[in-house]
Amino acid sequence: MKFRDFILNMTPDELNQYAKAAGTTTGYLKTHLLYGYKEPRKNLRKALAEHSGGKVSEQEILQHFGLYPTSNLLNQNGNEVART
């Protein structure tokens, strides 16, 4: 699931609980992270993925901020790069 969709589909109470569990605030989520204005630090990225209940991966959070490619990568032989 896309990080933006995950955030927008939450009720205000769910968003508040998620933000607290991840170690941030709903204001920070809505103001800086939802629109990709600020890139979260590694610990926050991991917490956001961990506390999403498996709905959002750290890779998807990185994609939201343009820090991870969304298309298939090819190695020097023209084969797809193995993903872990």
C-alpha atoms as a PDB file:
ATOM      1  CA  MET A   1       0.000   0.000   0.000  1.00  0.00           C
ATOM      2  CA  LYS A   2       1.217   3.499  -0.661  1.00  0.00           C
ATOM      3  CA  PHE A   3       2.189   5.439   2.451  1.00  0.00           C
ATOM      4  CA  ARG A   4      -0.031   8.387   1.490  1.00  0.00           C
ATOM      5  CA  ASP A   5      -3.084   6.147   1.050  1.00  0.00           C
ATOM      6  CA  PHE A   6      -2.349   4.428   4.350  1.00  0.00           C
ATOM      7  CA  ILE A   7      -2.336   7.758   6.200  1.00  0.00           C
ATOM      8  CA  LEU A   8      -5.425   9.135   4.426  1.00  0.00           C
ATOM      9  CA  ASN A   9      -7.486   5.995   5.108  1.00  0.00           C
ATOM     10  CA  MET A  10      -7.072   6.239   8.892  1.00  0.00           C
ATOM     11  CA  THR A  11      -9.591   7.721  11.266  1.00  0.00           C
ATOM     12  CA  PRO A  12      -8.297  10.565  13.467  1.00  0.00           C
ATOM     13  CA  ASP A  13      -8.074   8.185  16.450  1.00  0.00           C
ATOM     14  CA  GLU A  14      -6.205   5.547  14.447  1.00  0.00           C
ATOM     15  CA  LEU A  15      -3.817   8.186  13.128  1.00  0.00           C
ATOM     16  CA  ASN A  16      -3.183   9.484  16.638  1.00  0.00           C
ATOM     17  CA  GLN A  17      -2.434   5.982  17.948  1.00  0.00           C
ATOM     18  CA  TYR A  18      -0.180   5.241  14.958  1.00  0.00           C
ATOM     19  CA  ALA A  19       1.750   8.483  15.379  1.00  0.00           C
ATOM     20  CA  LYS A  20       2.291   7.875  19.104  1.00  0.00           C
ATOM     21  CA  ALA A  21       3.403   4.294  18.517  1.00  0.00           C
ATOM     22  CA  ALA A  22       5.877   5.445  15.859  1.00  0.00           C
ATOM     23  CA  GLY A  23       7.224   8.197  18.106  1.00  0.00           C
ATOM     24  CA  THR A  24       5.843  11.246  16.318  1.00  0.00           C
ATOM     25  CA  THR A  25       2.693  13.384  16.221  1.00  0.00           C
ATOM     26  CA  THR A  26      -0.297  13.526  13.915  1.00  0.00           C
ATOM     27  CA  GLY A  27       0.654  17.095  13.061  1.00  0.00           C
ATOM     28  CA  TYR A  28       4.096  16.013  11.889  1.00  0.00           C
ATOM     29  CA  LEU A  29       2.592  13.156   9.869  1.00  0.00           C
ATOM     30  CA  LYS A  30       0.034  15.408   8.177  1.00  0.00           C
ATOM     31  CA  THR A  31       2.227  18.463   7.690  1.00  0.00           C
ATOM     32  CA  HIS A  32       5.626  17.075   6.780  1.00  0.00           C
ATOM     33  CA  LEU A  33       5.391  13.400   5.903  1.00  0.00           C
ATOM     34  CA  LEU A  34       2.065  13.094   4.072  1.00  0.00           C
ATOM     35  CA  TYR A  35       3.143  15.516   1.348  1.00  0.00           C
ATOM     36  CA  GLY A  36       6.789  14.446   1.353  1.00  0.00           C
ATOM     37  CA  TYR A  37       8.155  17.771   2.590  1.00  0.00           C
ATOM     38  CA  LYS A  38      10.596  16.233   5.050  1.00  0.00           C
ATOM     39  CA  GLU A  39      12.381  12.937   4.749  1.00  0.00           C
ATOM     40  CA  PRO A  40      12.076  10.996   8.013  1.00  0.00           C
ATOM     41  CA  ARG A  41      15.225   9.728   9.661  1.00  0.00           C
ATOM     42  CA  LYS A  42      16.021   6.028   9.575  1.00  0.00           C
ATOM     43  CA  ASN A  43      14.606   5.282  13.050  1.00  0.00           C
ATOM     44  CA  LEU A  44      11.309   6.985  12.228  1.00  0.00           C
ATOM     45  CA  ARG A  45      11.052   5.243   8.844  1.00  0.00           C
ATOM     46  CA  LYS A  46      11.518   1.886  10.544  1.00  0.00           C
ATOM     47  CA  ALA A  47       8.973   2.744  13.247  1.00  0.00           C
ATOM     48  CA  LEU A  48       6.417   3.926  10.671  1.00  0.00           C
ATOM     49  CA  ALA A  49       6.736   0.629   8.800  1.00  0.00           C
ATOM     50  CA  GLU A  50       6.765  -1.494  11.944  1.00  0.00           C
ATOM     51  CA  HIS A  51       3.686   0.100  13.502  1.00  0.00           C
ATOM     52  CA  SER A  52       1.656  -0.008  10.285  1.00  0.00           C
ATOM     53  CA  GLY A  53       0.729  -3.604  11.015  1.00  0.00           C
ATOM     54  CA  GLY A  54       2.308  -4.828   7.788  1.00  0.00           C
ATOM     55  CA  LYS A  55       0.306  -2.465   5.590  1.00  0.00           C
ATOM     56  CA  VAL A  56       3.300  -0.288   4.629  1.00  0.00           C
ATOM     57  CA  SER A  57       6.884  -1.441   4.213  1.00  0.00           C
ATOM     58  CA  GLU A  58       9.989   0.663   4.716  1.00  0.00           C
ATOM     59  CA  GLN A  59      10.583   0.368   0.970  1.00  0.00           C
ATOM     60  CA  GLU A  60       7.161   1.898   0.282  1.00  0.00           C
ATOM     61  CA  ILE A  61       7.947   4.732   2.679  1.00  0.00           C
ATOM     62  CA  LEU A  62      11.216   5.345   0.841  1.00  0.00           C
ATOM     63  CA  GLN A  63       9.321   5.358  -2.464  1.00  0.00           C
ATOM     64  CA  HIS A  64       6.927   7.964  -1.071  1.00  0.00           C
ATOM     65  CA  PHE A  65       9.884  10.302  -0.571  1.00  0.00           C
ATOM     66  CA  GLY A  66      11.487   9.439  -3.915  1.00  0.00           C
ATOM     67  CA  LEU A  67      14.382   7.651  -2.234  1.00  0.00           C
ATOM     68  CA  TYR A  68      13.766   4.231  -3.744  1.00  0.00           C
ATOM     69  CA  PRO A  69      13.072   3.458  -7.387  1.00  0.00           C
ATOM     70  CA  THR A  70       9.558   2.402  -8.275  1.00  0.00           C
ATOM     71  CA  SER A  71      10.436   0.797 -11.612  1.00  0.00           C
ATOM     72  CA  ASN A  72      12.365  -2.394 -12.265  1.00  0.00           C
ATOM     73  CA  LEU A  73      16.100  -2.013 -12.170  1.00  0.00           C
ATOM     74  CA  LEU A  74      18.313  -3.880 -14.601  1.00  0.00           C
ATOM     75  CA  ASN A  75      21.813  -4.995 -13.802  1.00  0.00           C
ATOM     76  CA  GLN A  76      24.711  -4.808 -16.279  1.00  0.00           C
ATOM     77  CA  ASN A  77      23.579  -8.015 -17.994  1.00  0.00           C
ATOM     78  CA  GLY A  78      20.080  -6.663 -18.618  1.00  0.00           C
ATOM     79  CA  ASN A  79      18.568  -8.940 -15.981  1.00  0.00           C
ATOM     80  CA  GLU A  80      16.349  -7.752 -13.177  1.00  0.00           C
ATOM     81  CA  VAL A  81      18.108  -6.991  -9.925  1.00  0.00           C
ATOM     82  CA  ALA A  82      17.280  -9.444  -7.142  1.00  0.00           C
ATOM     83  CA  ARG A  83      15.196  -7.837  -4.398  1.00  0.00           C
ATOM     84  CA  THR A  84      15.458  -8.844  -0.802  1.00  0.00           C
END
